[in-house]
PDB file of N, CA and C in Angstrom:
ATOM      1  N   UNK A   1       5.533-156.347 183.616  1.00  0.00           N
ATOM      2  CA  UNK A   1       4.427-155.728 184.318  1.00  0.00           C
ATOM      3  C   UNK A   1       4.273-154.286 183.834  1.00  0.00           C
ATOM      4  N   UNK A   2       3.033-153.899 183.667  1.00  0.00           N
ATOM      5  CA  UNK A   2       2.720-152.514 183.347  1.00  0.00           C
ATOM      6  C   UNK A   2       1.926-151.950 184.510  1.00  0.00           C
ATOM      7  N   UNK A   3       2.326-150.773 184.962  1.00  0.00           N
ATOM      8  CA  UNK A   3       1.646-150.085 186.060  1.00  0.00           C
ATOM      9  C   UNK A   3       0.942-148.866 185.498  1.00  0.00           C
ATOM     10  N   UNK A   4      -0.389-148.882 185.501  1.00  0.00           N
ATOM     11  CA  UNK A   4      -1.224-147.821 184.946  1.00  0.00           C
ATOM     12  C   UNK A   4      -0.959-147.660 183.442  1.00  0.00           C
ATOM     13  N   UNK A   5      -1.968-147.209 182.743  1.00  0.00           N
ATOM     14  CA  UNK A   5      -1.825-147.073 181.298  1.00  0.00           C
ATOM     15  C   UNK A   5      -2.841-146.061 180.773  1.00  0.00           C
ATOM     16  N   UNK A   6      -2.386-144.859 180.575  1.00  0.00           N
ATOM     17  CA  UNK A   6      -3.264-143.796 180.082  1.00  0.00           C
ATOM     18  C   UNK A   6      -3.384-143.865 178.567  1.00  0.00           C
ATOM     19  N   UNK A   7      -4.376-143.188 178.056  1.00  0.00           N
ATOM     20  CA  UNK A   7      -4.566-143.155 176.616  1.00  0.00           C
ATOM     21  C   UNK A   7      -4.871-141.756 176.126  1.00  0.00           C
ATOM     22  N   UNK A   8      -4.339-140.758 176.795  1.00  0.00           N
ATOM     23  CA  UNK A   8      -4.599-139.370 176.416  1.00  0.00           C
ATOM     24  C   UNK A   8      -3.274-138.643 176.226  1.00  0.00           C
ATOM     25  N   UNK A   9      -3.329-137.506 175.570  1.00  0.00           N
ATOM     26  CA  UNK A   9      -2.120-136.713 175.397  1.00  0.00           C
ATOM     27  C   UNK A   9      -1.580-136.798 173.987  1.00  0.00           C
ATOM     28  N   UNK A  10      -0.452-136.147 173.784  1.00  0.00           N
ATOM     29  CA  UNK A  10       0.155-136.120 172.446  1.00  0.00           C
ATOM     30  C   UNK A  10       0.539-137.509 171.977  1.00  0.00           C
ATOM     31  N   UNK A  11       1.186-138.256 172.842  1.00  0.00           N
ATOM     32  CA  UNK A  11       1.561-139.621 172.492  1.00  0.00           C
ATOM     33  C   UNK A  11       0.914-140.545 173.505  1.00  0.00           C
ATOM     34  N   UNK A  12      -0.221-141.129 173.146  1.00  0.00           N
ATOM     35  CA  UNK A  12      -0.911-141.994 174.103  1.00  0.00           C
ATOM     36  C   UNK A  12      -0.010-143.119 174.611  1.00  0.00           C
ATOM     37  N   UNK A  13      -0.094-143.388 175.883  1.00  0.00           N
ATOM     38  CA  UNK A  13       0.747-144.389 176.525  1.00  0.00           C
ATOM     39  C   UNK A  13       0.700-145.751 175.839  1.00  0.00           C
ATOM     40  N   UNK A  14      -0.484-146.257 175.417  1.00  0.00           N
ATOM     41  CA  UNK A  14      -0.477-147.572 174.769  1.00  0.00           C
ATOM     42  C   UNK A  14       0.412-147.615 173.532  1.00  0.00           C
ATOM     43  N   UNK A  15       0.420-146.549 172.738  1.00  0.00           N
ATOM     44  CA  UNK A  15       1.272-146.513 171.546  1.00  0.00           C
ATOM     45  C   UNK A  15       2.747-146.565 171.921  1.00  0.00           C
ATOM     46  N   UNK A  16       3.120-145.759 172.884  1.00  0.00           N
ATOM     47  CA  UNK A  16       4.512-145.727 173.340  1.00  0.00           C
ATOM     48  C   UNK A  16       4.926-147.075 173.927  1.00  0.00           C
ATOM     49  N   UNK A  17       4.096-147.628 174.808  1.00  0.00           N
ATOM     50  CA  UNK A  17       4.419-148.920 175.420  1.00  0.00           C
ATOM     51  C   UNK A  17       4.491-150.033 174.387  1.00  0.00           C
ATOM     52  N   UNK A  18       3.586-150.014 173.410  1.00  0.00           N
ATOM     53  CA  UNK A  18       3.626-151.035 172.374  1.00  0.00           C
ATOM     54  C   UNK A  18       4.943-150.969 171.603  1.00  0.00           C
ATOM     55  N   UNK A  19       5.354-149.784 171.234  1.00  0.00           N
ATOM     56  CA  UNK A  19       6.620-149.633 170.496  1.00  0.00           C
ATOM     57  C   UNK A  19       7.813-150.073 171.345  1.00  0.00           C
ATOM     58  N   UNK A  20       7.809-149.710 172.621  1.00  0.00           N
ATOM     59  CA  UNK A  20       8.908-150.117 173.507  1.00  0.00           C
ATOM     60  C   UNK A  20       8.940-151.632 173.677  1.00  0.00           C
ATOM     61  N   UNK A  21       7.794-152.234 173.906  1.00  0.00           N
ATOM     62  CA  UNK A  21       7.736-153.690 174.054  1.00  0.00           C
ATOM     63  C   UNK A  21       8.169-154.379 172.767  1.00  0.00           C
ATOM     64  N   UNK A  22       7.716-153.865 171.643  1.00  0.00           N
ATOM     65  CA  UNK A  22       8.094-154.434 170.357  1.00  0.00           C
ATOM     66  C   UNK A  22       9.606-154.365 170.163  1.00  0.00           C
ATOM     67  N   UNK A  23      10.207-153.230 170.499  1.00  0.00           N
ATOM     68  CA  UNK A  23      11.658-153.071 170.359  1.00  0.00           C
ATOM     69  C   UNK A  23      12.427-154.029 171.273  1.00  0.00           C
ATOM     70  N   UNK A  24      11.845-154.336 172.418  1.00  0.00           N
ATOM     71  CA  UNK A  24      12.496-155.240 173.379  1.00  0.00           C
ATOM     72  C   UNK A  24      12.124-156.708 173.165  1.00  0.00           C
ATOM     73  N   UNK A  25      11.223-156.954 172.232  1.00  0.00           N
ATOM     74  CA  UNK A  25      10.801-158.318 171.969  1.00  0.00           C
ATOM     75  C   UNK A  25       9.787-158.860 172.976  1.00  0.00           C
ATOM     76  N   UNK A  26       9.144-157.975 173.711  1.00  0.00           N
ATOM     77  CA  UNK A  26       8.135-158.393 174.695  1.00  0.00           C
ATOM     78  C   UNK A  26       6.814-158.631 173.958  1.00  0.00           C
ATOM     79  N   UNK A  27       6.291-159.841 174.070  1.00  0.00           N
ATOM     80  CA  UNK A  27       5.045-160.186 173.385  1.00  0.00           C
ATOM     81  C   UNK A  27       3.908-160.493 174.352  1.00  0.00           C
ATOM     82  N   UNK A  28       4.233-160.587 175.630  1.00  0.00           N
ATOM     83  CA  UNK A  28       3.219-160.891 176.650  1.00  0.00           C
ATOM     84  C   UNK A  28       3.677-160.302 177.978  1.00  0.00           C
ATOM     85  N   UNK A  29       2.700-159.826 178.772  1.00  0.00           N
ATOM     86  CA  UNK A  29       2.981-159.279 180.098  1.00  0.00           C
ATOM     87  C   UNK A  29       2.522-160.266 181.160  1.00  0.00           C
ATOM     88  N   UNK A  30       3.235-160.303 182.264  1.00  0.00           N
ATOM     89  CA  UNK A  30       2.774-161.115 183.388  1.00  0.00           C
ATOM     90  C   UNK A  30       1.567-160.454 184.045  1.00  0.00           C
ATOM     91  N   UNK A  31       1.685-159.152 184.302  1.00  0.00           N
ATOM     92  CA  UNK A  31       0.662-158.433 185.049  1.00  0.00           C
ATOM     93  C   UNK A  31       0.430-157.050 184.454  1.00  0.00           C
ATOM     94  N   UNK A  32      -0.833-156.659 184.392  1.00  0.00           N
ATOM     95  CA  UNK A  32      -1.223-155.277 184.115  1.00  0.00           C
ATOM     96  C   UNK A  32      -1.871-154.791 185.413  1.00  0.00           C
ATOM     97  N   UNK A  33      -1.295-153.794 186.039  1.00  0.00           N
ATOM     98  CA  UNK A  33      -1.737-153.348 187.364  1.00  0.00           C
ATOM     99  C   UNK A  33      -2.242-151.916 187.309  1.00  0.00           C
ATOM    100  N   UNK A  34      -3.428-151.698 187.838  1.00  0.00           N
ATOM    101  CA  UNK A  34      -4.003-150.362 187.875  1.00  0.00           C
ATOM    102  C   UNK A  34      -4.119-149.882 189.304  1.00  0.00           C
ATOM    103  N   UNK A  35      -3.557-148.712 189.586  1.00  0.00           N
ATOM    104  CA  UNK A  35      -3.571-148.181 190.950  1.00  0.00           C
ATOM    105  C   UNK A  35      -4.906-147.564 191.328  1.00  0.00           C
ATOM    106  N   UNK A  36      -5.590-146.961 190.357  1.00  0.00           N
ATOM    107  CA  UNK A  36      -6.921-146.414 190.597  1.00  0.00           C
ATOM    108  C   UNK A  36      -7.597-146.129 189.259  1.00  0.00           C
ATOM    109  N   UNK A  37      -8.935-146.170 189.243  1.00  0.00           N
ATOM    110  CA  UNK A  37      -9.645-146.145 187.967  1.00  0.00           C
ATOM    111  C   UNK A  37      -9.962-144.760 187.406  1.00  0.00           C
ATOM    112  N   UNK A  38      -9.059-143.820 187.539  1.00  0.00           N
ATOM    113  CA  UNK A  38      -9.275-142.537 186.873  1.00  0.00           C
ATOM    114  C   UNK A  38      -8.870-142.677 185.412  1.00  0.00           C
ATOM    115  N   UNK A  39      -9.530-141.912 184.572  1.00  0.00           N
ATOM    116  CA  UNK A  39      -9.300-142.001 183.128  1.00  0.00           C
ATOM    117  C   UNK A  39      -7.829-141.875 182.749  1.00  0.00           C
ATOM    118  N   UNK A  40      -7.114-140.981 183.413  1.00  0.00           N
ATOM    119  CA  UNK A  40      -5.712-140.774 183.054  1.00  0.00           C
ATOM    120  C   UNK A  40      -4.789-141.887 183.553  1.00  0.00           C
ATOM    121  N   UNK A  41      -5.353-142.911 184.166  1.00  0.00           N
ATOM    122  CA  UNK A  41      -4.569-144.064 184.608  1.00  0.00           C
ATOM    123  C   UNK A  41      -5.060-145.374 184.006  1.00  0.00           C
ATOM    124  N   UNK A  42      -6.248-145.368 183.414  1.00  0.00           N
ATOM    125  CA  UNK A  42      -6.874-146.636 183.051  1.00  0.00           C
ATOM    126  C   UNK A  42      -7.241-146.796 181.585  1.00  0.00           C
ATOM    127  N   UNK A  43      -7.528-145.728 180.887  1.00  0.00           N
ATOM    128  CA  UNK A  43      -8.202-145.899 179.598  1.00  0.00           C
ATOM    129  C   UNK A  43      -7.327-146.366 178.451  1.00  0.00           C
ATOM    130  N   UNK A  44      -6.063-146.642 178.680  1.00  0.00           N
ATOM    131  CA  UNK A  44      -5.222-147.182 177.622  1.00  0.00           C
ATOM    132  C   UNK A  44      -4.991-148.682 177.724  1.00  0.00           C
ATOM    133  N   UNK A  45      -5.439-149.285 178.819  1.00  0.00           N
ATOM    134  CA  UNK A  45      -5.189-150.714 179.018  1.00  0.00           C
ATOM    135  C   UNK A  45      -5.772-151.590 177.920  1.00  0.00           C
ATOM    136  N   UNK A  46      -7.016-151.385 177.547  1.00  0.00           N
ATOM    137  CA  UNK A  46      -7.659-152.263 176.564  1.00  0.00           C
ATOM    138  C   UNK A  46      -6.898-152.259 175.243  1.00  0.00           C
ATOM    139  N   UNK A  47      -6.499-151.079 174.797  1.00  0.00           N
ATOM    140  CA  UNK A  47      -5.757-150.984 173.533  1.00  0.00           C
ATOM    141  C   UNK A  47      -4.415-151.714 173.635  1.00  0.00           C
ATOM    142  N   UNK A  48      -3.685-151.459 174.704  1.00  0.00           N
ATOM    143  CA  UNK A  48      -2.384-152.112 174.872  1.00  0.00           C
ATOM    144  C   UNK A  48      -2.543-153.628 174.982  1.00  0.00           C
ATOM    145  N   UNK A  49      -3.477-154.073 175.825  1.00  0.00           N
ATOM    146  CA  UNK A  49      -3.616-155.504 176.076  1.00  0.00           C
ATOM    147  C   UNK A  49      -4.241-156.256 174.913  1.00  0.00           C
ATOM    148  N   UNK A  50      -4.837-155.548 173.974  1.00  0.00           N
ATOM    149  CA  UNK A  50      -5.310-156.215 172.758  1.00  0.00           C
ATOM    150  C   UNK A  50      -4.128-156.556 171.845  1.00  0.00           C
ATOM    151  N   UNK A  51      -3.024-155.841 172.011  1.00  0.00           N
ATOM    152  CA  UNK A  51      -1.815-156.086 171.209  1.00  0.00           C
ATOM    153  C   UNK A  51      -0.786-156.925 171.966  1.00  0.00           C
ATOM    154  N   UNK A  52      -0.680-156.676 173.251  1.00  0.00           N
ATOM    155  CA  UNK A  52       0.265-157.394 174.104  1.00  0.00           C
ATOM    156  C   UNK A  52      -0.530-157.919 175.300  1.00  0.00           C
ATOM    157  N   UNK A  53      -1.010-159.153 175.235  1.00  0.00           N
ATOM    158  CA  UNK A  53      -1.852-159.677 176.307  1.00  0.00           C
ATOM    159  C   UNK A  53      -1.110-159.785 177.640  1.00  0.00           C
ATOM    160  N   UNK A  54      -1.882-159.827 178.701  1.00  0.00           N
ATOM    161  CA  UNK A  54      -1.335-160.018 180.050  1.00  0.00           C
ATOM    162  C   UNK A  54      -1.916-161.290 180.635  1.00  0.00           C
ATOM    163  N   UNK A  55      -1.134-161.934 181.490  1.00  0.00           N
ATOM    164  CA  UNK A  55      -1.615-163.131 182.169  1.00  0.00           C
ATOM    165  C   UNK A  55      -2.678-162.786 183.200  1.00  0.00           C
ATOM    166  N   UNK A  56      -2.663-161.515 183.670  1.00  0.00           N
ATOM    167  CA  UNK A  56      -3.618-161.117 184.694  1.00  0.00           C
ATOM    168  C   UNK A  56      -3.699-159.596 184.789  1.00  0.00           C
ATOM    169  N   UNK A  57      -4.896-159.102 185.053  1.00  0.00           N
ATOM    170  CA  UNK A  57      -5.122-157.687 185.334  1.00  0.00           C
ATOM    171  C   UNK A  57      -5.436-157.562 186.817  1.00  0.00           C
ATOM    172  N   UNK A  58      -4.712-156.697 187.508  1.00  0.00           N
ATOM    173  CA  UNK A  58      -4.946-156.457 188.926  1.00  0.00           C
ATOM    174  C   UNK A  58      -5.455-155.044 189.125  1.00  0.00           C
ATOM    175  N   UNK A  59      -6.471-154.918 189.967  1.00  0.00           N
ATOM    176  CA  UNK A  59      -7.038-153.620 190.286  1.00  0.00           C
ATOM    177  C   UNK A  59      -7.051-153.436 191.794  1.00  0.00           C
ATOM    178  N   UNK A  60      -6.908-152.204 192.220  1.00  0.00           N
ATOM    179  CA  UNK A  60      -6.986-151.902 193.647  1.00  0.00           C
ATOM    180  C   UNK A  60      -8.365-151.396 194.031  1.00  0.00           C
ATOM    181  N   UNK A  61      -9.278-151.328 193.068  1.00  0.00           N
ATOM    182  CA  UNK A  61     -10.628-150.832 193.314  1.00  0.00           C
ATOM    183  C   UNK A  61     -11.654-151.857 192.854  1.00  0.00           C
ATOM    184  N   UNK A  62     -12.866-151.822 193.391  1.00  0.00           N
ATOM    185  CA  UNK A  62     -13.915-152.738 192.932  1.00  0.00           C
ATOM    186  C   UNK A  62     -14.137-152.607 191.428  1.00  0.00           C
ATOM    187  N   UNK A  63     -14.536-153.689 190.808  1.00  0.00           N
ATOM    188  CA  UNK A  63     -14.684-153.727 189.359  1.00  0.00           C
ATOM    189  C   UNK A  63     -15.782-152.812 188.835  1.00  0.00           C
ATOM    190  N   UNK A  64     -16.686-152.408 189.699  1.00  0.00           N
ATOM    191  CA  UNK A  64     -17.765-151.519 189.269  1.00  0.00           C
ATOM    192  C   UNK A  64     -17.634-150.122 189.881  1.00  0.00           C
ATOM    193  N   UNK A  65     -16.420-149.731 190.227  1.00  0.00           N
ATOM    194  CA  UNK A  65     -16.198-148.475 190.960  1.00  0.00           C
ATOM    195  C   UNK A  65     -16.538-147.216 190.155  1.00  0.00           C
ATOM    196  N   UNK A  66     -16.375-147.237 188.856  1.00  0.00           N
ATOM    197  CA  UNK A  66     -16.773-146.097 188.028  1.00  0.00           C
ATOM    198  C   UNK A  66     -16.924-146.540 186.580  1.00  0.00           C
ATOM    199  N   UNK A  67     -17.351-145.635 185.716  1.00  0.00           N
ATOM    200  CA  UNK A  67     -17.625-146.019 184.329  1.00  0.00           C
ATOM    201  C   UNK A  67     -16.372-146.452 183.575  1.00  0.00           C
ATOM    202  N   UNK A  68     -15.220-145.863 183.890  1.00  0.00           N
ATOM    203  CA  UNK A  68     -13.984-146.255 183.201  1.00  0.00           C
ATOM    204  C   UNK A  68     -13.580-147.673 183.588  1.00  0.00           C
ATOM    205  N   UNK A  69     -13.708-147.980 184.866  1.00  0.00           N
ATOM    206  CA  UNK A  69     -13.391-149.329 185.337  1.00  0.00           C
ATOM    207  C   UNK A  69     -14.374-150.340 184.725  1.00  0.00           C
ATOM    208  N   UNK A  70     -15.650-150.049 184.731  1.00  0.00           N
ATOM    209  CA  UNK A  70     -16.640-150.972 184.165  1.00  0.00           C
ATOM    210  C   UNK A  70     -16.378-151.218 182.677  1.00  0.00           C
ATOM    211  N   UNK A  71     -16.070-150.160 181.962  1.00  0.00           N
ATOM    212  CA  UNK A  71     -15.789-150.301 180.525  1.00  0.00           C
ATOM    213  C   UNK A  71     -14.552-151.165 180.303  1.00  0.00           C
ATOM    214  N   UNK A  72     -13.514-150.914 181.064  1.00  0.00           N
ATOM    215  CA  UNK A  72     -12.290-151.703 180.908  1.00  0.00           C
ATOM    216  C   UNK A  72     -12.531-153.170 181.255  1.00  0.00           C
ATOM    217  N   UNK A  73     -13.229-153.419 182.335  1.00  0.00           N
ATOM    218  CA  UNK A  73     -13.491-154.805 182.735  1.00  0.00           C
ATOM    219  C   UNK A  73     -14.238-155.538 181.628  1.00  0.00           C
ATOM    220  N   UNK A  74     -15.207-154.893 181.024  1.00  0.00           N
ATOM    221  CA  UNK A  74     -15.934-155.489 179.894  1.00  0.00           C
ATOM    222  C   UNK A  74     -14.961-155.833 178.755  1.00  0.00           C
ATOM    223  N   UNK A  75     -14.078-154.903 178.426  1.00  0.00           N
ATOM    224  CA  UNK A  75     -13.113-155.120 177.343  1.00  0.00           C
ATOM    225  C   UNK A  75     -12.126-156.238 177.689  1.00  0.00           C
ATOM    226  N   UNK A  76     -11.685-156.286 178.938  1.00  0.00           N
ATOM    227  CA  UNK A  76     -10.741-157.333 179.347  1.00  0.00           C
ATOM    228  C   UNK A  76     -11.396-158.712 179.299  1.00  0.00           C
ATOM    229  N   UNK A  77     -12.651-158.776 179.660  1.00  0.00           N
ATOM    230  CA  UNK A  77     -13.373-160.060 179.579  1.00  0.00           C
ATOM    231  C   UNK A  77     -13.483-160.508 178.131  1.00  0.00           C
ATOM    232  N   UNK A  78     -13.701-159.568 177.224  1.00  0.00           N
ATOM    233  CA  UNK A  78     -13.740-159.915 175.796  1.00  0.00           C
ATOM    234  C   UNK A  78     -12.385-160.425 175.314  1.00  0.00           C
ATOM    235  N   UNK A  79     -11.309-159.928 175.915  1.00  0.00           N
ATOM    236  CA  UNK A  79      -9.952-160.370 175.562  1.00  0.00           C
ATOM    237  C   UNK A  79      -9.535-161.619 176.338  1.00  0.00           C
ATOM    238  N   UNK A  80     -10.406-162.116 177.215  1.00  0.00           N
ATOM    239  CA  UNK A  80     -10.144-163.309 178.042  1.00  0.00           C
ATOM    240  C   UNK A  80      -8.942-163.131 178.971  1.00  0.00           C
ATOM    241  N   UNK A  81      -8.770-161.925 179.482  1.00  0.00           N
ATOM    242  CA  UNK A  81      -7.693-161.651 180.429  1.00  0.00           C
ATOM    243  C   UNK A  81      -8.246-161.793 181.845  1.00  0.00           C
ATOM    244  N   UNK A  82      -7.664-162.687 182.653  1.00  0.00           N
ATOM    245  CA  UNK A  82      -8.132-162.865 184.030  1.00  0.00           C
ATOM    246  C   UNK A  82      -8.022-161.565 184.824  1.00  0.00           C
ATOM    247  N   UNK A  83      -8.995-161.340 185.690  1.00  0.00           N
ATOM    248  CA  UNK A  83      -9.097-160.101 186.460  1.00  0.00           C
ATOM    249  C   UNK A  83      -9.109-160.435 187.946  1.00  0.00           C
ATOM    250  N   UNK A  84      -8.338-159.661 188.721  1.00  0.00           N
ATOM    251  CA  UNK A  84      -8.321-159.861 190.170  1.00  0.00           C
ATOM    252  C   UNK A  84      -8.301-158.511 190.862  1.00  0.00           C
ATOM    253  N   UNK A  85      -9.055-158.407 191.953  1.00  0.00           N
ATOM    254  CA  UNK A  85      -9.073-157.199 192.768  1.00  0.00           C
ATOM    255  C   UNK A  85      -8.193-157.444 193.979  1.00  0.00           C
ATOM    256  N   UNK A  86      -7.252-156.546 194.204  1.00  0.00           N
ATOM    257  CA  UNK A  86      -6.361-156.639 195.359  1.00  0.00           C
ATOM    258  C   UNK A  86      -7.022-155.947 196.547  1.00  0.00           C
ATOM    259  N   UNK A  87      -7.011-156.627 197.650  1.00  0.00           N
ATOM    260  CA  UNK A  87      -7.578-156.055 198.871  1.00  0.00           C
ATOM    261  C   UNK A  87      -6.490-155.890 199.910  1.00  0.00           C
ATOM    262  N   UNK A  88      -6.458-154.764 200.545  1.00  0.00           N
ATOM    263  CA  UNK A  88      -5.558-154.455 201.656  1.00  0.00           C
ATOM    264  C   UNK A  88      -4.425-155.475 201.868  1.00  0.00           C
ATOM    265  N   UNK A  89      -3.346-155.263 201.200  1.00  0.00           N
ATOM    266  CA  UNK A  89      -2.126-156.061 201.347  1.00  0.00           C
ATOM    267  C   UNK A  89      -2.322-157.538 201.024  1.00  0.00           C
ATOM    268  N   UNK A  90      -3.362-157.895 200.314  1.00  0.00           N
ATOM    269  CA  UNK A  90      -3.583-159.280 199.878  1.00  0.00           C
ATOM    270  C   UNK A  90      -3.615-159.320 198.365  1.00  0.00           C
ATOM    271  N   UNK A  91      -2.475-159.142 197.772  1.00  0.00           N
ATOM    272  CA  UNK A  91      -2.468-159.095 196.328  1.00  0.00           C
ATOM    273  C   UNK A  91      -1.420-160.014 195.759  1.00  0.00           C
TER     274      UNK A  91
END
């Protein structure tokens, strides 16, 4: 499981996570979970999940909550990754 995935900074999170997963032999994730759709928590998911797919993407916010979420949802659909929105303790 990956919890949040940023793509900004000196070493973008997707690059670091990809290298760590590769070193551990991880080729697939059970869950990619996003706590909220701010850029510093969401914009690295598409890059990471294009290299290491997930069985499911979980979000705590509506799929159209902001432009970063909408963009990611579009990218995840292109990658055929199932998407689910968690609602108040029903996840």
